[in-house]
Amino acid sequence: MPSQPLPEPQQEGPKQQMQTQMGQTGGLLCVQKNGVKTTNRYTIPGNLAVFPYLTMGLLAIGWFFTRWYFVYEATSTKHTQDKYKKLLISLVALLFIDFGVLFLLLWVGIYI
């Protein structure tokens, strides 16, 4: 049985043919389809499943340092206060709460 040659694929018209031109604009990948530029949806690097745990953990640690700061302020006298200790405790609390809020925003879908 002789084999028949396969028919060549027919060319689509210019409107049906999808033109793909990729370029880098503002960090997003641009794709041109039928003369209209569209951008791909931004996806975050990393696993979304860990954001709730990071949020709760970082905020809990930040609140711990905040409470420690307030207890230190309330129980220390003018002569026993150390401004460097106060500054260190407040900065640690600030960092943990800030990163906790960052992961909270990422968790709810606000990609900053």
PDB file of N, CA and C in Angstrom:
ATOM      1  N   MET A   1       0.844  -1.156   0.000  1.00  0.00           N
ATOM      2  CA  MET A   1       0.000   0.000   0.000  1.00  0.00           C
ATOM      3  C   MET A   1       0.898   1.230   0.000  1.00  0.00           C
ATOM      4  N   PRO A   2       0.810   2.034  -1.041  1.00  0.00           N
ATOM      5  CA  PRO A   2       1.676   3.205  -1.109  1.00  0.00           C
ATOM      6  C   PRO A   2       1.205   4.270  -0.118  1.00  0.00           C
ATOM      7  N   SER A   3       2.177   4.900   0.485  1.00  0.00           N
ATOM      8  CA  SER A   3       1.835   5.946   1.450  1.00  0.00           C
ATOM      9  C   SER A   3       1.562   7.255   0.712  1.00  0.00           C
ATOM     10  N   GLN A   4       0.547   7.922   1.168  1.00  0.00           N
ATOM     11  CA  GLN A   4       0.183   9.187   0.549  1.00  0.00           C
ATOM     12  C   GLN A   4       0.883  10.318   1.288  1.00  0.00           C
ATOM     13  N   PRO A   5       1.302  11.347   0.588  1.00  0.00           N
ATOM     14  CA  PRO A   5       1.941  12.474   1.275  1.00  0.00           C
ATOM     15  C   PRO A   5       0.907  13.240   2.103  1.00  0.00           C
ATOM     16  N   LEU A   6       1.357  13.711   3.233  1.00  0.00           N
ATOM     17  CA  LEU A   6       0.474  14.481   4.107  1.00  0.00           C
ATOM     18  C   LEU A   6       0.187  15.839   3.491  1.00  0.00           C
ATOM     19  N   PRO A   7      -1.044  16.304   3.606  1.00  0.00           N
ATOM     20  CA  PRO A   7      -1.332  17.634   3.055  1.00  0.00           C
ATOM     21  C   PRO A   7      -0.653  18.703   3.908  1.00  0.00           C
ATOM     22  N   GLU A   8      -0.230  19.742   3.229  1.00  0.00           N
ATOM     23  CA  GLU A   8       0.421  20.832   3.961  1.00  0.00           C
ATOM     24  C   GLU A   8      -0.635  21.640   4.707  1.00  0.00           C
ATOM     25  N   PRO A   9      -0.282  22.108   5.915  1.00  0.00           N
ATOM     26  CA  PRO A   9      -1.263  22.899   6.665  1.00  0.00           C
ATOM     27  C   PRO A   9      -1.568  24.206   5.939  1.00  0.00           C
ATOM     28  N   GLN A  10      -2.833  24.556   5.971  1.00  0.00           N
ATOM     29  CA  GLN A  10      -3.233  25.786   5.297  1.00  0.00           C
ATOM     30  C   GLN A  10      -2.909  26.982   6.178  1.00  0.00           C
ATOM     31  N   GLN A  11      -2.550  28.047   5.524  1.00  0.00           N
ATOM     32  CA  GLN A  11      -2.228  29.282   6.239  1.00  0.00           C
ATOM     33  C   GLN A  11      -3.520  29.984   6.633  1.00  0.00           C
ATOM     34  N   GLU A  12      -3.565  30.457   7.870  1.00  0.00           N
ATOM     35  CA  GLU A  12      -4.718  31.225   8.319  1.00  0.00           C
ATOM     36  C   GLU A  12      -4.579  32.661   7.825  1.00  0.00           C
ATOM     37  N   GLY A  13      -5.699  33.342   7.764  1.00  0.00           N
ATOM     38  CA  GLY A  13      -5.694  34.745   7.363  1.00  0.00           C
ATOM     39  C   GLY A  13      -5.038  35.595   8.444  1.00  0.00           C
ATOM     40  N   PRO A  14      -4.745  36.853   8.124  1.00  0.00           N
ATOM     41  CA  PRO A  14      -4.048  37.699   9.104  1.00  0.00           C
ATOM     42  C   PRO A  14      -4.866  37.955  10.361  1.00  0.00           C
ATOM     43  N   LYS A  15      -6.203  37.945  10.268  1.00  0.00           N
ATOM     44  CA  LYS A  15      -7.006  38.198  11.455  1.00  0.00           C
ATOM     45  C   LYS A  15      -7.091  36.968  12.344  1.00  0.00           C
ATOM     46  N   GLN A  16      -7.072  35.780  11.743  1.00  0.00           N
ATOM     47  CA  GLN A  16      -7.160  34.571  12.547  1.00  0.00           C
ATOM     48  C   GLN A  16      -5.814  34.143  13.109  1.00  0.00           C
ATOM     49  N   GLN A  17      -4.771  34.602  12.478  1.00  0.00           N
ATOM     50  CA  GLN A  17      -3.440  34.205  12.919  1.00  0.00           C
ATOM     51  C   GLN A  17      -3.045  35.014  14.148  1.00  0.00           C
ATOM     52  N   MET A  18      -2.583  34.331  15.155  1.00  0.00           N
ATOM     53  CA  MET A  18      -2.173  35.014  16.378  1.00  0.00           C
ATOM     54  C   MET A  18      -0.714  35.420  16.251  1.00  0.00           C
ATOM     55  N   GLN A  19      -0.514  36.710  16.345  1.00  0.00           N
ATOM     56  CA  GLN A  19       0.848  37.225  16.291  1.00  0.00           C
ATOM     57  C   GLN A  19       1.351  37.363  17.713  1.00  0.00           C
ATOM     58  N   THR A  20       2.479  36.809  17.977  1.00  0.00           N
ATOM     59  CA  THR A  20       3.049  36.901  19.308  1.00  0.00           C
ATOM     60  C   THR A  20       4.347  37.667  19.226  1.00  0.00           C
ATOM     61  N   GLN A  21       4.335  38.795  19.856  1.00  0.00           N
ATOM     62  CA  GLN A  21       5.550  39.589  19.964  1.00  0.00           C
ATOM     63  C   GLN A  21       5.780  39.838  21.439  1.00  0.00           C
ATOM     64  N   MET A  22       6.895  39.427  21.913  1.00  0.00           N
ATOM     65  CA  MET A  22       7.182  39.572  23.329  1.00  0.00           C
ATOM     66  C   MET A  22       8.171  40.698  23.529  1.00  0.00           C
ATOM     67  N   GLY A  23       7.893  41.505  24.529  1.00  0.00           N
ATOM     68  CA  GLY A  23       8.781  42.595  24.883  1.00  0.00           C
ATOM     69  C   GLY A  23       8.705  42.826  26.377  1.00  0.00           C
ATOM     70  N   GLN A  24       9.663  43.499  26.910  1.00  0.00           N
ATOM     71  CA  GLN A  24       9.711  43.764  28.343  1.00  0.00           C
ATOM     72  C   GLN A  24       9.282  45.199  28.582  1.00  0.00           C
ATOM     73  N   THR A  25       8.117  45.389  29.206  1.00  0.00           N
ATOM     74  CA  THR A  25       7.649  46.732  29.523  1.00  0.00           C
ATOM     75  C   THR A  25       7.228  46.764  30.973  1.00  0.00           C
ATOM     76  N   GLY A  26       7.947  47.452  31.776  1.00  0.00           N
ATOM     77  CA  GLY A  26       7.574  47.620  33.167  1.00  0.00           C
ATOM     78  C   GLY A  26       7.582  46.338  33.971  1.00  0.00           C
ATOM     79  N   GLY A  27       8.374  45.375  33.584  1.00  0.00           N
ATOM     80  CA  GLY A  27       8.436  44.139  34.338  1.00  0.00           C
ATOM     81  C   GLY A  27       7.369  43.135  33.946  1.00  0.00           C
ATOM     82  N   LEU A  28       6.438  43.500  33.072  1.00  0.00           N
ATOM     83  CA  LEU A  28       5.393  42.587  32.636  1.00  0.00           C
ATOM     84  C   LEU A  28       5.677  42.144  31.213  1.00  0.00           C
ATOM     85  N   LEU A  29       5.260  40.940  30.881  1.00  0.00           N
ATOM     86  CA  LEU A  29       5.471  40.393  29.565  1.00  0.00           C
ATOM     87  C   LEU A  29       4.315  40.809  28.676  1.00  0.00           C
ATOM     88  N   CYS A  30       4.609  41.498  27.576  1.00  0.00           N
ATOM     89  CA  CYS A  30       3.565  41.950  26.650  1.00  0.00           C
ATOM     90  C   CYS A  30       3.418  40.939  25.532  1.00  0.00           C
ATOM     91  N   VAL A  31       2.190  40.608  25.210  1.00  0.00           N
ATOM     92  CA  VAL A  31       1.887  39.703  24.118  1.00  0.00           C
ATOM     93  C   VAL A  31       0.899  40.428  23.212  1.00  0.00           C
ATOM     94  N   GLN A  32       1.161  40.418  21.911  1.00  0.00           N
ATOM     95  CA  GLN A  32       0.263  41.088  20.989  1.00  0.00           C
ATOM     96  C   GLN A  32      -0.564  40.040  20.276  1.00  0.00           C
ATOM     97  N   LYS A  33      -1.887  40.110  20.461  1.00  0.00           N
ATOM     98  CA  LYS A  33      -2.817  39.185  19.823  1.00  0.00           C
ATOM     99  C   LYS A  33      -3.772  40.004  18.975  1.00  0.00           C
ATOM    100  N   ASN A  34      -3.808  39.717  17.708  1.00  0.00           N
ATOM    101  CA  ASN A  34      -4.708  40.398  16.781  1.00  0.00           C
ATOM    102  C   ASN A  34      -4.583  41.911  16.855  1.00  0.00           C
ATOM    103  N   GLY A  35      -3.396  42.404  17.028  1.00  0.00           N
ATOM    104  CA  GLY A  35      -3.165  43.835  17.048  1.00  0.00           C
ATOM    105  C   GLY A  35      -3.428  44.503  18.383  1.00  0.00           C
ATOM    106  N   VAL A  36      -3.819  43.750  19.420  1.00  0.00           N
ATOM    107  CA  VAL A  36      -4.109  44.325  20.731  1.00  0.00           C
ATOM    108  C   VAL A  36      -3.055  43.826  21.710  1.00  0.00           C
ATOM    109  N   LYS A  37      -2.397  44.764  22.392  1.00  0.00           N
ATOM    110  CA  LYS A  37      -1.390  44.359  23.371  1.00  0.00           C
ATOM    111  C   LYS A  37      -2.060  43.993  24.676  1.00  0.00           C
ATOM    112  N   THR A  38      -1.686  42.873  25.219  1.00  0.00           N
ATOM    113  CA  THR A  38      -2.172  42.452  26.529  1.00  0.00           C
ATOM    114  C   THR A  38      -0.966  42.101  27.386  1.00  0.00           C
ATOM    115  N   THR A  39      -1.154  42.103  28.690  1.00  0.00           N
ATOM    116  CA  THR A  39      -0.081  41.729  29.599  1.00  0.00           C
ATOM    117  C   THR A  39      -0.497  40.492  30.366  1.00  0.00           C
ATOM    118  N   ASN A  40       0.464  39.684  30.682  1.00  0.00           N
ATOM    119  CA  ASN A  40       0.201  38.501  31.490  1.00  0.00           C
ATOM    120  C   ASN A  40      -0.033  38.911  32.931  1.00  0.00           C
ATOM    121  N   ARG A  41      -0.825  38.136  33.635  1.00  0.00           N
ATOM    122  CA  ARG A  41      -1.115  38.425  35.034  1.00  0.00           C
ATOM    123  C   ARG A  41       0.146  38.206  35.879  1.00  0.00           C
ATOM    124  N   TYR A  42       0.350  39.086  36.836  1.00  0.00           N
ATOM    125  CA  TYR A  42       1.516  38.981  37.712  1.00  0.00           C
ATOM    126  C   TYR A  42       1.306  37.847  38.695  1.00  0.00           C
ATOM    127  N   THR A  43       2.273  36.981  38.802  1.00  0.00           N
ATOM    128  CA  THR A  43       2.230  35.908  39.798  1.00  0.00           C
ATOM    129  C   THR A  43       3.394  36.096  40.746  1.00  0.00           C
ATOM    130  N   ILE A  44       3.136  35.823  41.996  1.00  0.00           N
ATOM    131  CA  ILE A  44       4.157  36.045  43.009  1.00  0.00           C
ATOM    132  C   ILE A  44       5.141  34.887  43.035  1.00  0.00           C
ATOM    133  N   PRO A  45       6.390  35.167  43.344  1.00  0.00           N
ATOM    134  CA  PRO A  45       7.348  34.079  43.509  1.00  0.00           C
ATOM    135  C   PRO A  45       7.196  33.487  44.899  1.00  0.00           C
ATOM    136  N   GLY A  46       6.867  32.251  44.973  1.00  0.00           N
ATOM    137  CA  GLY A  46       6.702  31.617  46.278  1.00  0.00           C
ATOM    138  C   GLY A  46       5.366  30.919  46.404  1.00  0.00           C
ATOM    139  N   ASN A  47       5.175  30.308  47.540  1.00  0.00           N
ATOM    140  CA  ASN A  47       3.984  29.518  47.783  1.00  0.00           C
ATOM    141  C   ASN A  47       2.985  30.338  48.607  1.00  0.00           C
ATOM    142  N   LEU A  48       1.767  30.459  48.116  1.00  0.00           N
ATOM    143  CA  LEU A  48       0.738  31.216  48.818  1.00  0.00           C
ATOM    144  C   LEU A  48       0.313  30.548  50.122  1.00  0.00           C
ATOM    145  N   ALA A  49       0.529  29.268  50.246  1.00  0.00           N
ATOM    146  CA  ALA A  49       0.066  28.537  51.422  1.00  0.00           C
ATOM    147  C   ALA A  49       0.832  28.911  52.693  1.00  0.00           C
ATOM    148  N   VAL A  50       2.017  29.459  52.572  1.00  0.00           N
ATOM    149  CA  VAL A  50       2.791  29.798  53.768  1.00  0.00           C
ATOM    150  C   VAL A  50       2.519  31.210  54.271  1.00  0.00           C
ATOM    151  N   PHE A  51       1.822  32.048  53.484  1.00  0.00           N
ATOM    152  CA  PHE A  51       1.588  33.426  53.898  1.00  0.00           C
ATOM    153  C   PHE A  51       0.762  33.547  55.172  1.00  0.00           C
ATOM    154  N   PRO A  52      -0.281  32.749  55.379  1.00  0.00           N
ATOM    155  CA  PRO A  52      -1.008  32.875  56.655  1.00  0.00           C
ATOM    156  C   PRO A  52      -0.136  32.558  57.866  1.00  0.00           C
ATOM    157  N   TYR A  53       0.709  31.556  57.735  1.00  0.00           N
ATOM    158  CA  TYR A  53       1.580  31.182  58.857  1.00  0.00           C
ATOM    159  C   TYR A  53       2.634  32.258  59.117  1.00  0.00           C
ATOM    160  N   LEU A  54       3.214  32.796  58.039  1.00  0.00           N
ATOM    161  CA  LEU A  54       4.184  33.880  58.214  1.00  0.00           C
ATOM    162  C   LEU A  54       3.528  35.110  58.826  1.00  0.00           C
ATOM    163  N   THR A  55       2.321  35.425  58.379  1.00  0.00           N
ATOM    164  CA  THR A  55       1.611  36.589  58.907  1.00  0.00           C
ATOM    165  C   THR A  55       1.373  36.446  60.398  1.00  0.00           C
ATOM    166  N   MET A  56       0.767  35.339  60.790  1.00  0.00           N
ATOM    167  CA  MET A  56       0.432  35.155  62.203  1.00  0.00           C
ATOM    168  C   MET A  56       1.691  35.053  63.074  1.00  0.00           C
ATOM    169  N   GLY A  57       2.697  34.373  62.582  1.00  0.00           N
ATOM    170  CA  GLY A  57       3.926  34.235  63.360  1.00  0.00           C
ATOM    171  C   GLY A  57       4.651  35.561  63.548  1.00  0.00           C
ATOM    172  N   LEU A  58       4.828  36.299  62.473  1.00  0.00           N
ATOM    173  CA  LEU A  58       5.544  37.573  62.570  1.00  0.00           C
ATOM    174  C   LEU A  58       4.767  38.597  63.394  1.00  0.00           C
ATOM    175  N   LEU A  59       3.439  38.645  63.220  1.00  0.00           N
ATOM    176  CA  LEU A  59       2.652  39.581  64.015  1.00  0.00           C
ATOM    177  C   LEU A  59       2.659  39.201  65.492  1.00  0.00           C
ATOM    178  N   ALA A  60       2.628  37.908  65.795  1.00  0.00           N
ATOM    179  CA  ALA A  60       2.666  37.478  67.201  1.00  0.00           C
ATOM    180  C   ALA A  60       3.994  37.866  67.853  1.00  0.00           C
ATOM    181  N   ILE A  61       5.088  37.672  67.138  1.00  0.00           N
ATOM    182  CA  ILE A  61       6.396  38.050  67.681  1.00  0.00           C
ATOM    183  C   ILE A  61       6.482  39.565  67.848  1.00  0.00           C
ATOM    184  N   GLY A  62       5.975  40.313  66.879  1.00  0.00           N
ATOM    185  CA  GLY A  62       5.977  41.771  66.977  1.00  0.00           C
ATOM    186  C   GLY A  62       5.138  42.274  68.139  1.00  0.00           C
ATOM    187  N   TRP A  63       3.969  41.653  68.353  1.00  0.00           N
ATOM    188  CA  TRP A  63       3.125  42.050  69.483  1.00  0.00           C
ATOM    189  C   TRP A  63       3.784  41.705  70.816  1.00  0.00           C
ATOM    190  N   PHE A  64       4.537  40.593  70.850  1.00  0.00           N
ATOM    191  CA  PHE A  64       5.263  40.241  72.069  1.00  0.00           C
ATOM    192  C   PHE A  64       6.267  41.343  72.432  1.00  0.00           C
ATOM    193  N   PHE A  65       7.045  41.787  71.439  1.00  0.00           N
ATOM    194  CA  PHE A  65       8.031  42.836  71.705  1.00  0.00           C
ATOM    195  C   PHE A  65       7.354  44.166  72.036  1.00  0.00           C
ATOM    196  N   THR A  66       6.196  44.425  71.435  1.00  0.00           N
ATOM    197  CA  THR A  66       5.458  45.644  71.773  1.00  0.00           C
ATOM    198  C   THR A  66       4.983  45.606  73.218  1.00  0.00           C
ATOM    199  N   ARG A  67       4.450  44.469  73.636  1.00  0.00           N
ATOM    200  CA  ARG A  67       4.026  44.342  75.036  1.00  0.00           C
ATOM    201  C   ARG A  67       5.219  44.460  75.971  1.00  0.00           C
ATOM    202  N   TRP A  68       6.343  43.868  75.613  1.00  0.00           N
ATOM    203  CA  TRP A  68       7.547  43.962  76.437  1.00  0.00           C
ATOM    204  C   TRP A  68       7.966  45.429  76.577  1.00  0.00           C
ATOM    205  N   TYR A  69       7.881  46.182  75.481  1.00  0.00           N
ATOM    206  CA  TYR A  69       8.235  47.594  75.523  1.00  0.00           C
ATOM    207  C   TYR A  69       7.323  48.363  76.484  1.00  0.00           C
ATOM    208  N   PHE A  70       6.016  48.124  76.408  1.00  0.00           N
ATOM    209  CA  PHE A  70       5.093  48.834  77.296  1.00  0.00           C
ATOM    210  C   PHE A  70       5.277  48.445  78.753  1.00  0.00           C
ATOM    211  N   VAL A  71       5.540  47.179  79.009  1.00  0.00           N
ATOM    212  CA  VAL A  71       5.805  46.752  80.392  1.00  0.00           C
ATOM    213  C   VAL A  71       7.089  47.388  80.895  1.00  0.00           C
ATOM    214  N   TYR A  72       8.105  47.451  80.042  1.00  0.00           N
ATOM    215  CA  TYR A  72       9.371  48.080  80.427  1.00  0.00           C
ATOM    216  C   TYR A  72       9.158  49.560  80.735  1.00  0.00           C
ATOM    217  N   GLU A  73       8.353  50.248  79.938  1.00  0.00           N
ATOM    218  CA  GLU A  73       8.069  51.660  80.174  1.00  0.00           C
ATOM    219  C   GLU A  73       7.304  51.864  81.475  1.00  0.00           C
ATOM    220  N   ALA A  74       6.376  50.963  81.756  1.00  0.00           N
ATOM    221  CA  ALA A  74       5.530  51.138  82.938  1.00  0.00           C
ATOM    222  C   ALA A  74       6.246  50.778  84.229  1.00  0.00           C
ATOM    223  N   THR A  75       7.187  49.848  84.191  1.00  0.00           N
ATOM    224  CA  THR A  75       7.810  49.360  85.427  1.00  0.00           C
ATOM    225  C   THR A  75       9.160  49.997  85.730  1.00  0.00           C
ATOM    226  N   SER A  76       9.769  50.651  84.770  1.00  0.00           N
ATOM    227  CA  SER A  76      11.093  51.230  85.035  1.00  0.00           C
ATOM    228  C   SER A  76      10.941  52.667  85.552  1.00  0.00           C
ATOM    229  N   THR A  77      11.876  53.026  86.383  1.00  0.00           N
ATOM    230  CA  THR A  77      11.885  54.386  86.918  1.00  0.00           C
ATOM    231  C   THR A  77      12.791  55.258  86.065  1.00  0.00           C
ATOM    232  N   LYS A  78      12.829  56.511  86.409  1.00  0.00           N
ATOM    233  CA  LYS A  78      13.647  57.447  85.652  1.00  0.00           C
ATOM    234  C   LYS A  78      15.127  57.087  85.718  1.00  0.00           C
ATOM    235  N   HIS A  79      15.548  56.531  86.835  1.00  0.00           N
ATOM    236  CA  HIS A  79      16.964  56.209  87.020  1.00  0.00           C
ATOM    237  C   HIS A  79      17.345  54.859  86.426  1.00  0.00           C
ATOM    238  N   THR A  80      16.376  53.968  86.209  1.00  0.00           N
ATOM    239  CA  THR A  80      16.703  52.629  85.696  1.00  0.00           C
ATOM    240  C   THR A  80      16.414  52.487  84.203  1.00  0.00           C
ATOM    241  N   GLN A  81      15.900  53.509  83.564  1.00  0.00           N
ATOM    242  CA  GLN A  81      15.612  53.414  82.133  1.00  0.00           C
ATOM    243  C   GLN A  81      16.902  53.493  81.315  1.00  0.00           C
ATOM    244  N   ASP A  82      16.954  52.652  80.300  1.00  0.00           N
ATOM    245  CA  ASP A  82      18.079  52.672  79.370  1.00  0.00           C
ATOM    246  C   ASP A  82      17.529  52.975  77.978  1.00  0.00           C
ATOM    247  N   LYS A  83      17.947  54.101  77.417  1.00  0.00           N
ATOM    248  CA  LYS A  83      17.355  54.508  76.139  1.00  0.00           C
ATOM    249  C   LYS A  83      17.747  53.572  75.004  1.00  0.00           C
ATOM    250  N   TYR A  84      18.909  52.934  75.081  1.00  0.00           N
ATOM    251  CA  TYR A  84      19.322  52.010  74.030  1.00  0.00           C
ATOM    252  C   TYR A  84      18.504  50.724  74.068  1.00  0.00           C
ATOM    253  N   LYS A  85      18.166  50.275  75.272  1.00  0.00           N
ATOM    254  CA  LYS A  85      17.328  49.089  75.394  1.00  0.00           C
ATOM    255  C   LYS A  85      15.929  49.383  74.855  1.00  0.00           C
ATOM    256  N   LYS A  86      15.393  50.544  75.175  1.00  0.00           N
ATOM    257  CA  LYS A  86      14.084  50.936  74.669  1.00  0.00           C
ATOM    258  C   LYS A  86      14.093  51.013  73.142  1.00  0.00           C
ATOM    259  N   LEU A  87      15.148  51.599  72.592  1.00  0.00           N
ATOM    260  CA  LEU A  87      15.261  51.729  71.146  1.00  0.00           C
ATOM    261  C   LEU A  87      15.372  50.365  70.470  1.00  0.00           C
ATOM    262  N   LEU A  88      16.164  49.475  71.049  1.00  0.00           N
ATOM    263  CA  LEU A  88      16.332  48.146  70.473  1.00  0.00           C
ATOM    264  C   LEU A  88      15.022  47.360  70.499  1.00  0.00           C
ATOM    265  N   ILE A  89      14.315  47.372  71.610  1.00  0.00           N
ATOM    266  CA  ILE A  89      13.049  46.635  71.712  1.00  0.00           C
ATOM    267  C   ILE A  89      12.029  47.194  70.725  1.00  0.00           C
ATOM    268  N   SER A  90      11.953  48.508  70.622  1.00  0.00           N
ATOM    269  CA  SER A  90      10.972  49.098  69.717  1.00  0.00           C
ATOM    270  C   SER A  90      11.313  48.829  68.251  1.00  0.00           C
ATOM    271  N   LEU A  91      12.592  48.832  67.900  1.00  0.00           N
ATOM    272  CA  LEU A  91      12.972  48.540  66.516  1.00  0.00           C
ATOM    273  C   LEU A  91      12.706  47.083  66.142  1.00  0.00           C
ATOM    274  N   VAL A  92      12.949  46.174  67.060  1.00  0.00           N
ATOM    275  CA  VAL A  92      12.661  44.756  66.784  1.00  0.00           C
ATOM    276  C   VAL A  92      11.158  44.563  66.607  1.00  0.00           C
ATOM    277  N   ALA A  93      10.358  45.201  67.469  1.00  0.00           N
ATOM    278  CA  ALA A  93       8.902  45.111  67.338  1.00  0.00           C
ATOM    279  C   ALA A  93       8.451  45.696  66.002  1.00  0.00           C
ATOM    280  N   LEU A  94       9.024  46.816  65.626  1.00  0.00           N
ATOM    281  CA  LEU A  94       8.679  47.461  64.362  1.00  0.00           C
ATOM    282  C   LEU A  94       8.966  46.556  63.173  1.00  0.00           C
ATOM    283  N   LEU A  95      10.129  45.929  63.152  1.00  0.00           N
ATOM    284  CA  LEU A  95      10.484  45.064  62.030  1.00  0.00           C
ATOM    285  C   LEU A  95       9.544  43.862  61.914  1.00  0.00           C
ATOM    286  N   PHE A  96       9.264  43.211  63.032  1.00  0.00           N
ATOM    287  CA  PHE A  96       8.395  42.037  62.974  1.00  0.00           C
ATOM    288  C   PHE A  96       6.969  42.419  62.570  1.00  0.00           C
ATOM    289  N   ILE A  97       6.456  43.517  63.097  1.00  0.00           N
ATOM    290  CA  ILE A  97       5.094  43.927  62.744  1.00  0.00           C
ATOM    291  C   ILE A  97       5.036  44.379  61.285  1.00  0.00           C
ATOM    292  N   ASP A  98       6.052  45.079  60.809  1.00  0.00           N
ATOM    293  CA  ASP A  98       6.056  45.519  59.418  1.00  0.00           C
ATOM    294  C   ASP A  98       6.069  44.342  58.452  1.00  0.00           C
ATOM    295  N   PHE A  99       6.915  43.357  58.701  1.00  0.00           N
ATOM    296  CA  PHE A  99       6.933  42.195  57.813  1.00  0.00           C
ATOM    297  C   PHE A  99       5.660  41.362  57.975  1.00  0.00           C
ATOM    298  N   GLY A 100       5.087  41.347  59.162  1.00  0.00           N
ATOM    299  CA  GLY A 100       3.805  40.671  59.348  1.00  0.00           C
ATOM    300  C   GLY A 100       2.706  41.324  58.534  1.00  0.00           C
ATOM    301  N   VAL A 101       2.670  42.658  58.503  1.00  0.00           N
ATOM    302  CA  VAL A 101       1.674  43.373  57.708  1.00  0.00           C
ATOM    303  C   VAL A 101       1.936  43.165  56.213  1.00  0.00           C
ATOM    304  N   LEU A 102       3.199  43.126  55.804  1.00  0.00           N
ATOM    305  CA  LEU A 102       3.532  42.858  54.411  1.00  0.00           C
ATOM    306  C   LEU A 102       2.967  41.513  53.969  1.00  0.00           C
ATOM    307  N   PHE A 103       3.200  40.463  54.750  1.00  0.00           N
ATOM    308  CA  PHE A 103       2.688  39.150  54.379  1.00  0.00           C
ATOM    309  C   PHE A 103       1.170  39.076  54.509  1.00  0.00           C
ATOM    310  N   LEU A 104       0.576  39.889  55.383  1.00  0.00           N
ATOM    311  CA  LEU A 104      -0.876  39.968  55.457  1.00  0.00           C
ATOM    312  C   LEU A 104      -1.444  40.536  54.156  1.00  0.00           C
ATOM    313  N   LEU A 105      -0.833  41.596  53.650  1.00  0.00           N
ATOM    314  CA  LEU A 105      -1.284  42.163  52.381  1.00  0.00           C
ATOM    315  C   LEU A 105      -1.111  41.181  51.226  1.00  0.00           C
ATOM    316  N   LEU A 106       0.005  40.468  51.209  1.00  0.00           N
ATOM    317  CA  LEU A 106       0.201  39.463  50.162  1.00  0.00           C
ATOM    318  C   LEU A 106      -0.794  38.316  50.286  1.00  0.00           C
ATOM    319  N   TRP A 107      -1.141  37.961  51.502  1.00  0.00           N
ATOM    320  CA  TRP A 107      -2.081  36.874  51.751  1.00  0.00           C
ATOM    321  C   TRP A 107      -3.475  37.196  51.206  1.00  0.00           C
ATOM    322  N   VAL A 108      -3.914  38.443  51.382  1.00  0.00           N
ATOM    323  CA  VAL A 108      -5.254  38.807  50.917  1.00  0.00           C
ATOM    324  C   VAL A 108      -5.270  39.226  49.454  1.00  0.00           C
ATOM    325  N   GLY A 109      -4.125  39.259  48.787  1.00  0.00           N
ATOM    326  CA  GLY A 109      -4.097  39.497  47.360  1.00  0.00           C
ATOM    327  C   GLY A 109      -3.711  40.901  46.944  1.00  0.00           C
ATOM    328  N   ILE A 110      -3.187  41.702  47.857  1.00  0.00           N
ATOM    329  CA  ILE A 110      -2.711  43.035  47.513  1.00  0.00           C
ATOM    330  C   ILE A 110      -1.207  42.920  47.309  1.00  0.00           C
ATOM    331  N   TYR A 111      -0.793  42.816  46.061  1.00  0.00           N
ATOM    332  CA  TYR A 111       0.610  42.598  45.739  1.00  0.00           C
ATOM    333  C   TYR A 111       1.319  43.933  45.630  1.00  0.00           C
ATOM    334  N   ILE A 112       2.142  44.241  46.630  1.00  0.00           N
ATOM    335  CA  ILE A 112       2.845  45.512  46.648  1.00  0.00           C
ATOM    336  C   ILE A 112       4.299  45.307  46.314  1.00  0.00           C
TER     337      ILE A 112
END
